[in-house]
C-alpha atoms as a PDB file:
ATOM      1  CA  UNK A   1    -171.924  20.467  79.455  1.00  0.00           C
ATOM      2  CA  UNK A   2    -170.565  24.130  78.540  1.00  0.00           C
ATOM      3  CA  UNK A   3    -167.529  25.533  79.675  1.00  0.00           C
ATOM      4  CA  UNK A   4    -166.775  27.891  82.211  1.00  0.00           C
ATOM      5  CA  UNK A   5    -164.849  31.183  80.529  1.00  0.00           C
ATOM      6  CA  UNK A   6    -163.530  34.215  82.482  1.00  0.00           C
ATOM      7  CA  UNK A   7    -163.504  36.893  79.396  1.00  0.00           C
ATOM      8  CA  UNK A   8    -161.440  39.841  80.719  1.00  0.00           C
ATOM      9  CA  UNK A   9    -162.870  41.740  78.526  1.00  0.00           C
ATOM     10  CA  UNK A  10    -165.665  41.863  75.398  1.00  0.00           C
ATOM     11  CA  UNK A  11    -162.543  41.681  73.063  1.00  0.00           C
ATOM     12  CA  UNK A  12    -161.131  37.961  74.134  1.00  0.00           C
ATOM     13  CA  UNK A  13    -164.001  36.329  72.537  1.00  0.00           C
ATOM     14  CA  UNK A  14    -161.060  34.110  69.979  1.00  0.00           C
ATOM     15  CA  UNK A  15    -159.731  30.998  72.269  1.00  0.00           C
ATOM     16  CA  UNK A  16    -157.048  28.833  70.394  1.00  0.00           C
ATOM     17  CA  UNK A  17    -156.691  25.119  71.964  1.00  0.00           C
ATOM     18  CA  UNK A  18    -153.389  24.977  73.163  1.00  0.00           C
ATOM     19  CA  UNK A  19    -153.439  20.677  73.236  1.00  0.00           C
ATOM     20  CA  UNK A  20    -156.184  17.742  74.061  1.00  0.00           C
ATOM     21  CA  UNK A  21    -154.439  15.038  76.217  1.00  0.00           C
ATOM     22  CA  UNK A  22    -156.183  12.047  77.486  1.00  0.00           C
ATOM     23  CA  UNK A  23    -155.291  11.229  80.548  1.00  0.00           C
ATOM     24  CA  UNK A  24    -156.134   7.841  82.313  1.00  0.00           C
ATOM     25  CA  UNK A  25    -160.149   8.221  83.637  1.00  0.00           C
ATOM     26  CA  UNK A  26    -160.850   8.908  80.134  1.00  0.00           C
ATOM     27  CA  UNK A  27    -161.828  12.347  80.083  1.00  0.00           C
ATOM     28  CA  UNK A  28    -160.083  15.251  78.172  1.00  0.00           C
ATOM     29  CA  UNK A  29    -158.053  18.462  79.649  1.00  0.00           C
ATOM     30  CA  UNK A  30    -158.631  21.123  77.257  1.00  0.00           C
ATOM     31  CA  UNK A  31    -155.878  24.204  77.785  1.00  0.00           C
ATOM     32  CA  UNK A  32    -157.453  27.053  76.126  1.00  0.00           C
ATOM     33  CA  UNK A  33    -155.819  30.541  75.606  1.00  0.00           C
ATOM     34  CA  UNK A  34    -157.846  33.612  75.946  1.00  0.00           C
ATOM     35  CA  UNK A  35    -156.768  37.269  75.781  1.00  0.00           C
ATOM     36  CA  UNK A  36    -155.733  38.237  79.281  1.00  0.00           C
ATOM     37  CA  UNK A  37    -157.479  35.540  81.265  1.00  0.00           C
ATOM     38  CA  UNK A  38    -157.048  32.210  81.336  1.00  0.00           C
ATOM     39  CA  UNK A  39    -158.653  28.865  82.721  1.00  0.00           C
ATOM     40  CA  UNK A  40    -157.738  25.469  82.279  1.00  0.00           C
ATOM     41  CA  UNK A  41    -161.161  22.588  82.713  1.00  0.00           C
ATOM     42  CA  UNK A  42    -161.026  18.613  82.731  1.00  0.00           C
ATOM     43  CA  UNK A  43    -164.030  17.795  80.889  1.00  0.00           C
ATOM     44  CA  UNK A  44    -166.029  14.883  80.662  1.00  0.00           C
ATOM     45  CA  UNK A  45    -166.143  13.543  77.721  1.00  0.00           C
ATOM     46  CA  UNK A  46    -166.754  10.451  75.696  1.00  0.00           C
ATOM     47  CA  UNK A  47    -163.162   8.988  74.480  1.00  0.00           C
ATOM     48  CA  UNK A  48    -165.552   7.825  71.293  1.00  0.00           C
ATOM     49  CA  UNK A  49    -166.272  11.212  70.621  1.00  0.00           C
ATOM     50  CA  UNK A  50    -161.908  12.262  70.137  1.00  0.00           C
ATOM     51  CA  UNK A  51    -160.236  12.256  67.211  1.00  0.00           C
ATOM     52  CA  UNK A  52    -156.814  12.905  67.688  1.00  0.00           C
ATOM     53  CA  UNK A  53    -154.078  13.123  64.303  1.00  0.00           C
ATOM     54  CA  UNK A  54    -151.159  11.521  65.476  1.00  0.00           C
ATOM     55  CA  UNK A  55    -148.924  13.725  62.871  1.00  0.00           C
ATOM     56  CA  UNK A  56    -149.320  17.582  62.487  1.00  0.00           C
ATOM     57  CA  UNK A  57    -150.226  18.441  58.453  1.00  0.00           C
ATOM     58  CA  UNK A  58    -147.672  20.943  57.251  1.00  0.00           C
ATOM     59  CA  UNK A  59    -147.914  22.796  54.547  1.00  0.00           C
ATOM     60  CA  UNK A  60    -144.151  21.519  52.455  1.00  0.00           C
ATOM     61  CA  UNK A  61    -141.902  25.310  52.423  1.00  0.00           C
ATOM     62  CA  UNK A  62    -140.027  25.823  49.326  1.00  0.00           C
ATOM     63  CA  UNK A  63    -136.543  26.515  50.358  1.00  0.00           C
ATOM     64  CA  UNK A  64    -136.037  30.502  48.652  1.00  0.00           C
ATOM     65  CA  UNK A  65    -133.310  30.206  46.550  1.00  0.00           C
ATOM     66  CA  UNK A  66    -135.574  27.829  44.837  1.00  0.00           C
ATOM     67  CA  UNK A  67    -138.178  29.632  44.869  1.00  0.00           C
ATOM     68  CA  UNK A  68    -136.735  32.839  43.598  1.00  0.00           C
ATOM     69  CA  UNK A  69    -134.877  31.186  41.161  1.00  0.00           C
ATOM     70  CA  UNK A  70    -138.282  29.595  39.443  1.00  0.00           C
ATOM     71  CA  UNK A  71    -139.977  33.744  39.193  1.00  0.00           C
ATOM     72  CA  UNK A  72    -136.652  34.829  37.787  1.00  0.00           C
ATOM     73  CA  UNK A  73    -136.650  32.489  34.934  1.00  0.00           C
ATOM     74  CA  UNK A  74    -140.651  33.612  34.467  1.00  0.00           C
ATOM     75  CA  UNK A  75    -139.591  36.991  34.443  1.00  0.00           C
ATOM     76  CA  UNK A  76    -136.761  36.936  32.520  1.00  0.00           C
ATOM     77  CA  UNK A  77    -137.565  37.464  28.619  1.00  0.00           C
ATOM     78  CA  UNK A  78    -134.126  36.388  27.764  1.00  0.00           C
ATOM     79  CA  UNK A  79    -131.067  34.681  28.739  1.00  0.00           C
ATOM     80  CA  UNK A  80    -129.097  37.880  28.687  1.00  0.00           C
ATOM     81  CA  UNK A  81    -131.539  38.135  31.540  1.00  0.00           C
ATOM     82  CA  UNK A  82    -131.062  35.501  33.542  1.00  0.00           C
ATOM     83  CA  UNK A  83    -127.573  35.552  33.391  1.00  0.00           C
ATOM     84  CA  UNK A  84    -126.995  38.007  34.716  1.00  0.00           C
ATOM     85  CA  UNK A  85    -129.133  38.372  37.290  1.00  0.00           C
ATOM     86  CA  UNK A  86    -127.474  35.007  38.953  1.00  0.00           C
ATOM     87  CA  UNK A  87    -126.175  35.171  42.476  1.00  0.00           C
ATOM     88  CA  UNK A  88    -122.753  33.847  41.575  1.00  0.00           C
ATOM     89  CA  UNK A  89    -121.081  33.293  45.096  1.00  0.00           C
ATOM     90  CA  UNK A  90    -116.919  33.798  45.216  1.00  0.00           C
ATOM     91  CA  UNK A  91    -116.316  30.531  46.075  1.00  0.00           C
ATOM     92  CA  UNK A  92    -118.214  27.593  44.367  1.00  0.00           C
ATOM     93  CA  UNK A  93    -118.218  23.818  45.238  1.00  0.00           C
ATOM     94  CA  UNK A  94    -115.850  21.126  42.781  1.00  0.00           C
ATOM     95  CA  UNK A  95    -118.277  19.642  41.145  1.00  0.00           C
ATOM     96  CA  UNK A  96    -119.692  23.330  39.595  1.00  0.00           C
ATOM     97  CA  UNK A  97    -115.729  24.366  39.687  1.00  0.00           C
ATOM     98  CA  UNK A  98    -115.427  21.649  37.210  1.00  0.00           C
ATOM     99  CA  UNK A  99    -118.806  22.204  34.217  1.00  0.00           C
ATOM    100  CA  UNK A 100    -117.911  26.315  35.062  1.00  0.00           C
ATOM    101  CA  UNK A 101    -114.583  25.113  33.600  1.00  0.00           C
ATOM    102  CA  UNK A 102    -115.464  23.083  30.794  1.00  0.00           C
ATOM    103  CA  UNK A 103    -118.331  25.627  29.334  1.00  0.00           C
ATOM    104  CA  UNK A 104    -114.562  28.869  29.653  1.00  0.00           C
ATOM    105  CA  UNK A 105    -112.269  26.938  28.137  1.00  0.00           C
ATOM    106  CA  UNK A 106    -114.749  25.447  25.154  1.00  0.00           C
ATOM    107  CA  UNK A 107    -116.855  28.061  24.667  1.00  0.00           C
ATOM    108  CA  UNK A 108    -116.117  31.229  26.975  1.00  0.00           C
ATOM    109  CA  UNK A 109    -116.176  32.996  23.381  1.00  0.00           C
ATOM    110  CA  UNK A 110    -118.944  31.669  22.211  1.00  0.00           C
ATOM    111  CA  UNK A 111    -122.949  33.473  22.990  1.00  0.00           C
ATOM    112  CA  UNK A 112    -124.488  32.120  26.174  1.00  0.00           C
ATOM    113  CA  UNK A 113    -126.626  29.775  24.142  1.00  0.00           C
ATOM    114  CA  UNK A 114    -122.978  28.422  23.080  1.00  0.00           C
ATOM    115  CA  UNK A 115    -122.232  28.052  26.064  1.00  0.00           C
ATOM    116  CA  UNK A 116    -125.118  26.386  27.665  1.00  0.00           C
ATOM    117  CA  UNK A 117    -125.308  24.402  25.321  1.00  0.00           C
ATOM    118  CA  UNK A 118    -121.052  23.047  26.588  1.00  0.00           C
ATOM    119  CA  UNK A 119    -122.450  22.971  29.737  1.00  0.00           C
ATOM    120  CA  UNK A 120    -125.884  20.911  29.271  1.00  0.00           C
ATOM    121  CA  UNK A 121    -122.987  18.206  27.357  1.00  0.00           C
ATOM    122  CA  UNK A 122    -121.459  17.834  30.771  1.00  0.00           C
ATOM    123  CA  UNK A 123    -124.338  17.453  32.766  1.00  0.00           C
ATOM    124  CA  UNK A 124    -126.509  15.508  30.708  1.00  0.00           C
ATOM    125  CA  UNK A 125    -123.654  13.006  30.455  1.00  0.00           C
ATOM    126  CA  UNK A 126    -122.783  12.516  33.949  1.00  0.00           C
ATOM    127  CA  UNK A 127    -126.819  11.893  34.229  1.00  0.00           C
ATOM    128  CA  UNK A 128    -126.641   9.665  31.376  1.00  0.00           C
ATOM    129  CA  UNK A 129    -125.431   6.855  32.980  1.00  0.00           C
ATOM    130  CA  UNK A 130    -122.699   5.940  29.556  1.00  0.00           C
ATOM    131  CA  UNK A 131    -120.073   8.411  31.157  1.00  0.00           C
ATOM    132  CA  UNK A 132    -119.175   9.387  34.971  1.00  0.00           C
ATOM    133  CA  UNK A 133    -121.122   9.950  36.891  1.00  0.00           C
ATOM    134  CA  UNK A 134    -120.266  13.132  38.990  1.00  0.00           C
ATOM    135  CA  UNK A 135    -119.530  16.345  36.042  1.00  0.00           C
ATOM    136  CA  UNK A 136    -115.700  16.707  37.681  1.00  0.00           C
ATOM    137  CA  UNK A 137    -115.672  12.391  36.707  1.00  0.00           C
ATOM    138  CA  UNK A 138    -116.628  13.773  33.443  1.00  0.00           C
ATOM    139  CA  UNK A 139    -114.543  16.386  33.051  1.00  0.00           C
ATOM    140  CA  UNK A 140    -111.810  14.967  33.169  1.00  0.00           C
ATOM    141  CA  UNK A 141    -112.627  11.345  31.094  1.00  0.00           C
ATOM    142  CA  UNK A 142    -109.291  11.186  30.167  1.00  0.00           C
ATOM    143  CA  UNK A 143    -109.395  12.062  25.361  1.00  0.00           C
ATOM    144  CA  UNK A 144    -113.293  14.104  26.191  1.00  0.00           C
ATOM    145  CA  UNK A 145    -111.825  17.901  26.043  1.00  0.00           C
ATOM    146  CA  UNK A 146    -108.816  18.974  24.968  1.00  0.00           C
ATOM    147  CA  UNK A 147    -107.671  22.361  27.504  1.00  0.00           C
ATOM    148  CA  UNK A 148    -107.812  19.090  30.040  1.00  0.00           C
ATOM    149  CA  UNK A 149    -103.696  18.132  30.052  1.00  0.00           C
ATOM    150  CA  UNK A 150    -102.335  15.477  32.122  1.00  0.00           C
ATOM    151  CA  UNK A 151    -105.255  15.274  34.426  1.00  0.00           C
ATOM    152  CA  UNK A 152    -104.796  18.611  35.330  1.00  0.00           C
ATOM    153  CA  UNK A 153    -107.280  21.349  33.434  1.00  0.00           C
ATOM    154  CA  UNK A 154    -105.309  25.069  32.739  1.00  0.00           C
ATOM    155  CA  UNK A 155    -105.572  27.997  34.788  1.00  0.00           C
ATOM    156  CA  UNK A 156    -108.265  30.013  34.880  1.00  0.00           C
ATOM    157  CA  UNK A 157    -108.335  33.717  35.840  1.00  0.00           C
ATOM    158  CA  UNK A 158    -111.148  34.628  38.050  1.00  0.00           C
ATOM    159  CA  UNK A 159    -111.291  37.633  38.535  1.00  0.00           C
ATOM    160  CA  UNK A 160    -112.298  38.457  34.853  1.00  0.00           C
ATOM    161  CA  UNK A 161    -116.293  38.888  33.381  1.00  0.00           C
ATOM    162  CA  UNK A 162    -115.954  35.279  31.343  1.00  0.00           C
ATOM    163  CA  UNK A 163    -115.168  33.516  34.403  1.00  0.00           C
ATOM    164  CA  UNK A 164    -118.165  34.954  36.596  1.00  0.00           C
ATOM    165  CA  UNK A 165    -120.626  34.307  33.042  1.00  0.00           C
ATOM    166  CA  UNK A 166    -119.301  30.751  33.644  1.00  0.00           C
ATOM    167  CA  UNK A 167    -120.237  30.388  36.570  1.00  0.00           C
ATOM    168  CA  UNK A 168    -123.427  31.738  35.945  1.00  0.00           C
ATOM    169  CA  UNK A 169    -123.828  29.609  32.838  1.00  0.00           C
ATOM    170  CA  UNK A 170    -123.371  26.711  34.914  1.00  0.00           C
ATOM    171  CA  UNK A 171    -125.673  27.057  37.492  1.00  0.00           C
ATOM    172  CA  UNK A 172    -128.304  27.972  34.587  1.00  0.00           C
ATOM    173  CA  UNK A 173    -127.074  24.701  33.124  1.00  0.00           C
ATOM    174  CA  UNK A 174    -127.543  22.543  36.299  1.00  0.00           C
ATOM    175  CA  UNK A 175    -130.595  23.899  37.263  1.00  0.00           C
ATOM    176  CA  UNK A 176    -132.506  22.886  34.760  1.00  0.00           C
ATOM    177  CA  UNK A 177    -132.996  26.514  34.139  1.00  0.00           C
ATOM    178  CA  UNK A 178    -133.312  27.997  30.539  1.00  0.00           C
ATOM    179  CA  UNK A 179    -134.152  25.539  27.354  1.00  0.00           C
ATOM    180  CA  UNK A 180    -131.084  24.953  25.078  1.00  0.00           C
ATOM    181  CA  UNK A 181    -131.935  24.086  20.889  1.00  0.00           C
ATOM    182  CA  UNK A 182    -128.750  21.326  21.725  1.00  0.00           C
ATOM    183  CA  UNK A 183    -130.118  20.046  25.401  1.00  0.00           C
ATOM    184  CA  UNK A 184    -129.898  16.989  24.472  1.00  0.00           C
ATOM    185  CA  UNK A 185    -126.189  16.717  23.157  1.00  0.00           C
ATOM    186  CA  UNK A 186    -124.015  14.281  24.297  1.00  0.00           C
ATOM    187  CA  UNK A 187    -121.512  15.016  22.303  1.00  0.00           C
ATOM    188  CA  UNK A 188    -120.295  17.965  20.322  1.00  0.00           C
ATOM    189  CA  UNK A 189    -117.044  19.122  18.237  1.00  0.00           C
ATOM    190  CA  UNK A 190    -115.984  22.588  16.202  1.00  0.00           C
ATOM    191  CA  UNK A 191    -117.127  23.031  13.131  1.00  0.00           C
ATOM    192  CA  UNK A 192    -113.452  23.267  11.272  1.00  0.00           C
ATOM    193  CA  UNK A 193    -113.073  19.673  11.720  1.00  0.00           C
ATOM    194  CA  UNK A 194    -115.156  16.664  11.266  1.00  0.00           C
ATOM    195  CA  UNK A 195    -114.628  13.431  13.133  1.00  0.00           C
ATOM    196  CA  UNK A 196    -117.791  11.582  10.530  1.00  0.00           C
ATOM    197  CA  UNK A 197    -119.412  10.556  14.366  1.00  0.00           C
ATOM    198  CA  UNK A 198    -122.584   8.593  13.700  1.00  0.00           C
ATOM    199  CA  UNK A 199    -124.445   9.882  16.351  1.00  0.00           C
ATOM    200  CA  UNK A 200    -127.060  12.247  15.666  1.00  0.00           C
ATOM    201  CA  UNK A 201    -126.698  15.364  14.369  1.00  0.00           C
ATOM    202  CA  UNK A 202    -128.795  17.860  16.424  1.00  0.00           C
ATOM    203  CA  UNK A 203    -128.219  21.753  16.496  1.00  0.00           C
ATOM    204  CA  UNK A 204    -124.865  23.956  15.393  1.00  0.00           C
ATOM    205  CA  UNK A 205    -124.379  26.931  17.060  1.00  0.00           C
ATOM    206  CA  UNK A 206    -121.986  29.867  16.315  1.00  0.00           C
ATOM    207  CA  UNK A 207    -119.135  28.046  15.986  1.00  0.00           C
ATOM    208  CA  UNK A 208    -120.073  24.285  17.406  1.00  0.00           C
ATOM    209  CA  UNK A 209    -122.299  21.275  15.804  1.00  0.00           C
ATOM    210  CA  UNK A 210    -124.046  19.182  18.734  1.00  0.00           C
ATOM    211  CA  UNK A 211    -124.897  15.113  18.534  1.00  0.00           C
ATOM    212  CA  UNK A 212    -126.317  13.151  20.840  1.00  0.00           C
END
């Protein structure tokens, strides 16, 4: 059966089906919207000829921040560019603060690759199953980081460029945005000490030696 549609003009050729509802008589009501005119007509249709989709198919929308980070990483020519452009907020979560604090106190005088490697150690430990499962748990685990004293982190100069950089590096490490020469490391020490560890040495970056 053909549909009798009123058209206000020659331009009103495009119709959008808004909904299809099955009624108790087995008929299907088709609601069509046409520019300049609308008409609802009940069309006798065999239910066997109608296919219903129970759930809409929706294209997932990527988080804007995640999309921006991926695009920025692909555009960055260096770690310095990525760190410089990281969207760092003044107030960050406690977990990121612990991660950034470890970077700040252990490696703020190191090159960015060294800072990132220290951050990766904290991230790797939290994900390893061998250490506490949170960044703060890793940082405050007794006898692991020398800057932690009596279970507390020293005061941070939060207005300094070093702190801003440490937060940016922490985000890079947390998101896994840049590969480090010591990306699998779980341990590190300063190069002026020799703890005689039996761990596998993976890299030396500036004044720190890293192991897994």
